[in-house]
Structures are given as structure tokens and as C-alpha cells.
Amino acid sequence: MKKLCLTFLFLSHALTSFGQTVVAHTIEAELTETLGIAILTDLVSQDAVSNPFVFDQPNEFSNGITVNSGAIFSINASVNWQVAFKSNSANFSNIGSTATMPLSILELKETVGGSFAALSQSNRVLASGPPVMNLLSSVQTFTVDYKITPGTGYPAEEYSSTITYTVSGQ
């Protein structure tokens, strides 16, 4: 009988150890910053913006032309962000000849609460904001005002400069 009880005890212990198996699996999640920027004319059409400035009145040369809300910027960010702007060239270039105008004739500012800052080859902060926290909205938007005051003394031609906008995490 003793042998039978000992055998039964041994078998019941062996059966319970086969009745349960535990395994672990480690799950890793890598979160990376997401930063995106787009320039729109409006939120409905989502077309790229073009800002023509036509100086055809004498007072426009000295007073300048201001375009309010000249561009809508759309930001998609998972972190605090900052948008900076600069020109890649030293001056506005004349398309028809070698004449140039200084970059500083163009100033930009965020429409709400911004101060005008002149275009240059150095990055200048335009706007900043928090990450997108609302699951119903995947972007944040802000608008930019442009002002150009060329003065006189430049040949009557078409001038251009490309502005580079950079969004970065803060």
C-alpha cells in the first residue's frame, strides 16, 4: 500500500507539471519623431501657394505690398516643433539679366502674434507649437503674412528667390 501511495503521489506530481506550460514573449515598441510640413493655398483644395507681387503703382515701391495670410502651413508632428525659413541664394535674382535685389526686402511673419522678420540666408524662426494630441485631427495649421518693400533703383524686371521652410523637433 505504501508503494501504491508513493507511486500515486509521484504520478500526480508528474501530471500537474505537464498540465501547465509558461512561455514569455517580449514585445518592443519603437517610437520615432514624426515631423511633416506642407504649404497650402487653402485647406479645401490643398494646392501649393504662389505669391506674385506686382509693383505697378509708385507708392508700392516705398510702402511695400503686404499679402495677409499668403500661405497656410500644415504641420504634422508627434513632438514640440519649430518652423524656420531662409533663402538658399544671397539675393533675389533677376530672371532677365544679372541684376539682383537684397533678400531683406521680403519680410515674413506668422499671421497671429508674429513679428515681421527679413529673409536672409540664415534660418529664422517663423512659428512653433506642441505635438498633435487630438486624434480627430492629424495636423496643425498656421498662416503667414508676406511683405515686400523694394524701394527704387532696380531695373524693371521679374525677380525671384526660393524660400526654404524647415520643421524640426524641439
Protein backbone atom coordinates (compact mmCIF):
# COMPACT_ATOMS: atom_id res chain seq x y z
CA MET A 1 0.00 0.00 0.00
CA LYS A 2 2.85 2.29 0.81
CA LYS A 3 4.27 1.62 -2.61
CA LEU A 4 0.93 2.37 -4.24
CA CYS A 5 0.55 5.72 -2.40
CA LEU A 6 4.09 6.72 -3.27
CA THR A 7 3.51 5.83 -6.92
CA PHE A 8 0.21 7.75 -6.92
CA LEU A 9 1.88 10.80 -5.35
CA PHE A 10 4.70 10.67 -7.89
CA LEU A 11 2.27 10.34 -10.83
CA SER A 12 0.02 13.18 -9.64
CA HIS A 13 3.04 15.48 -9.31
CA ALA A 14 4.23 14.48 -12.78
CA LEU A 15 0.77 15.06 -14.29
CA THR A 16 0.40 18.52 -12.74
CA SER A 17 3.76 19.59 -14.08
CA PHE A 18 2.62 18.58 -17.57
CA GLY A 19 -0.71 20.37 -17.13
CA GLN A 20 0.72 23.89 -17.37
CA THR A 21 3.40 25.46 -19.54
CA VAL A 22 4.54 29.07 -19.29
CA VAL A 23 6.28 30.98 -22.05
CA ALA A 24 7.22 34.67 -22.21
CA HIS A 25 7.35 36.89 -25.25
CA THR A 26 8.90 40.37 -25.13
CA ILE A 27 7.18 42.99 -27.25
CA GLU A 28 9.11 46.11 -28.19
CA ALA A 29 7.64 49.35 -29.50
CA GLU A 30 9.97 51.90 -31.04
CA LEU A 31 8.56 55.40 -31.18
CA THR A 32 10.20 57.83 -33.56
CA GLU A 33 9.54 61.50 -34.10
CA THR A 34 7.18 62.31 -36.92
CA LEU A 35 7.53 65.72 -38.49
CA GLY A 36 5.82 66.87 -41.64
CA ILE A 37 5.20 70.23 -43.28
CA ALA A 38 3.14 71.33 -46.28
CA ILE A 39 2.22 74.70 -47.78
CA LEU A 40 -1.36 75.16 -48.94
CA THR A 41 -3.44 77.93 -50.51
CA ASP A 42 -6.44 76.70 -48.59
CA LEU A 43 -7.45 73.67 -46.58
CA VAL A 44 -10.14 72.62 -49.06
CA SER A 45 -8.15 72.40 -52.31
CA GLN A 46 -4.77 71.82 -50.62
CA ASP A 47 -3.00 73.38 -53.58
CA ALA A 48 0.52 74.79 -53.33
CA VAL A 49 0.66 78.54 -52.89
CA SER A 50 2.14 81.10 -55.26
CA ASN A 51 2.73 84.69 -54.14
CA PRO A 52 3.02 87.10 -57.05
CA PHE A 53 3.87 90.68 -56.08
CA VAL A 54 3.24 93.13 -58.90
CA PHE A 55 4.55 96.65 -58.33
CA ASP A 56 2.68 98.94 -60.72
CA GLN A 57 1.93 101.97 -58.52
CA PRO A 58 4.65 104.45 -57.39
CA ASN A 59 3.66 104.30 -53.71
CA GLU A 60 4.01 100.48 -53.66
CA PHE A 61 7.78 100.75 -54.16
CA SER A 62 8.26 102.78 -50.97
CA ASN A 63 5.34 101.49 -48.86
CA GLY A 64 5.58 97.88 -49.95
CA ILE A 65 2.91 95.30 -50.67
CA THR A 66 1.61 93.08 -47.87
CA VAL A 67 -0.17 89.80 -48.52
CA ASN A 68 -2.05 88.75 -45.38
CA SER A 69 -2.42 85.00 -44.90
CA GLY A 70 -0.39 84.47 -48.06
CA ALA A 71 0.21 80.83 -47.22
CA ILE A 72 -1.29 78.20 -44.96
CA PHE A 73 1.19 75.83 -43.38
CA SER A 74 0.11 72.37 -42.32
CA ILE A 75 2.24 70.71 -39.61
CA ASN A 76 2.09 67.06 -38.58
CA ALA A 77 4.27 66.45 -35.52
CA SER A 78 4.47 63.97 -32.66
CA VAL A 79 6.79 66.29 -30.70
CA ASN A 80 7.09 70.02 -29.99
CA TRP A 81 8.03 71.63 -33.31
CA GLN A 82 9.53 74.77 -34.79
CA VAL A 83 9.40 76.08 -38.37
CA ALA A 84 12.31 78.17 -39.65
CA PHE A 85 12.77 79.88 -43.01
CA LYS A 86 15.72 81.01 -45.13
CA SER A 87 16.82 81.61 -48.71
CA ASN A 88 19.39 79.43 -50.44
CA SER A 89 20.65 82.35 -52.54
CA ALA A 90 22.35 85.58 -51.49
CA ASN A 91 19.89 87.88 -53.29
CA PHE A 92 16.73 87.99 -55.31
CA SER A 93 17.86 87.17 -58.84
CA ASN A 94 16.67 88.91 -61.96
CA ILE A 95 15.39 86.40 -64.46
CA GLY A 96 16.26 88.55 -67.49
CA SER A 97 19.77 89.72 -66.53
CA THR A 98 22.35 89.73 -63.76
CA ALA A 99 20.60 92.41 -61.64
CA THR A 100 19.84 91.49 -58.03
CA MET A 101 17.89 92.85 -55.05
CA PRO A 102 18.71 92.18 -51.37
CA LEU A 103 16.80 89.42 -49.61
CA SER A 104 15.90 91.79 -46.78
CA ILE A 105 13.20 93.46 -48.91
CA LEU A 106 10.99 90.43 -48.16
CA GLU A 107 9.68 90.00 -44.62
CA LEU A 108 7.58 87.17 -43.22
CA LYS A 109 5.59 86.66 -40.06
CA GLU A 110 3.08 84.29 -38.57
CA THR A 111 -0.30 85.98 -39.06
CA VAL A 112 -1.40 85.63 -35.43
CA GLY A 113 1.07 87.05 -32.95
CA GLY A 114 4.13 87.11 -35.16
CA SER A 115 6.60 89.90 -35.91
CA PHE A 116 7.99 90.53 -39.37
CA ALA A 117 11.49 89.13 -39.92
CA ALA A 118 13.54 89.77 -43.06
CA LEU A 119 14.50 86.93 -45.39
CA SER A 120 18.19 86.01 -45.24
CA GLN A 121 20.45 83.01 -45.80
CA SER A 122 20.27 82.19 -42.08
CA ASN A 123 17.40 80.28 -40.53
CA ARG A 124 14.86 82.49 -38.76
CA VAL A 125 12.09 81.09 -36.59
CA LEU A 126 8.65 81.57 -38.07
CA ALA A 127 6.38 79.56 -35.76
CA SER A 128 6.40 76.82 -33.13
CA GLY A 129 3.87 74.59 -31.44
CA PRO A 130 3.08 71.45 -29.47
CA PRO A 131 2.61 67.94 -30.84
CA VAL A 132 -0.71 66.98 -32.38
CA MET A 133 -2.62 65.47 -29.47
CA ASN A 134 -6.12 65.34 -30.92
CA LEU A 135 -6.82 62.00 -32.55
CA LEU A 136 -9.51 63.59 -34.71
CA SER A 137 -7.01 65.99 -36.26
CA SER A 138 -3.73 64.82 -37.74
CA VAL A 139 -2.34 68.32 -38.45
CA GLN A 140 -1.98 71.82 -37.06
CA THR A 141 -2.16 74.86 -39.29
CA PHE A 142 -0.99 78.45 -39.20
CA THR A 143 -0.89 81.25 -41.76
CA VAL A 144 1.94 83.52 -42.86
CA ASP A 145 1.93 87.15 -43.98
CA TYR A 146 4.42 88.38 -46.59
CA LYS A 147 5.60 91.95 -47.12
CA ILE A 148 7.93 93.19 -49.87
CA THR A 149 9.31 96.75 -49.91
CA PRO A 150 11.84 97.03 -52.75
CA GLY A 151 12.31 100.80 -52.86
CA THR A 152 13.62 102.18 -56.14
CA GLY A 153 16.82 101.81 -58.12
CA TYR A 154 16.34 98.33 -59.54
CA PRO A 155 15.70 97.53 -63.21
CA ALA A 156 12.07 96.82 -64.09
CA GLU A 157 12.28 93.05 -64.43
CA GLU A 158 11.00 89.92 -62.72
CA TYR A 159 12.96 88.86 -59.61
CA SER A 160 12.78 85.63 -57.65
CA SER A 161 14.20 83.80 -54.68
CA THR A 162 13.30 80.43 -53.23
CA ILE A 163 12.38 80.24 -49.57
CA THR A 164 13.16 77.01 -47.74
CA TYR A 165 10.96 76.14 -44.76
CA THR A 166 12.26 73.57 -42.27
CA VAL A 167 10.29 71.93 -39.48
CA SER A 168 12.31 70.45 -36.63
CA GLY A 169 11.57 68.80 -33.30
CA GLN A 170 12.23 70.74 -30.13
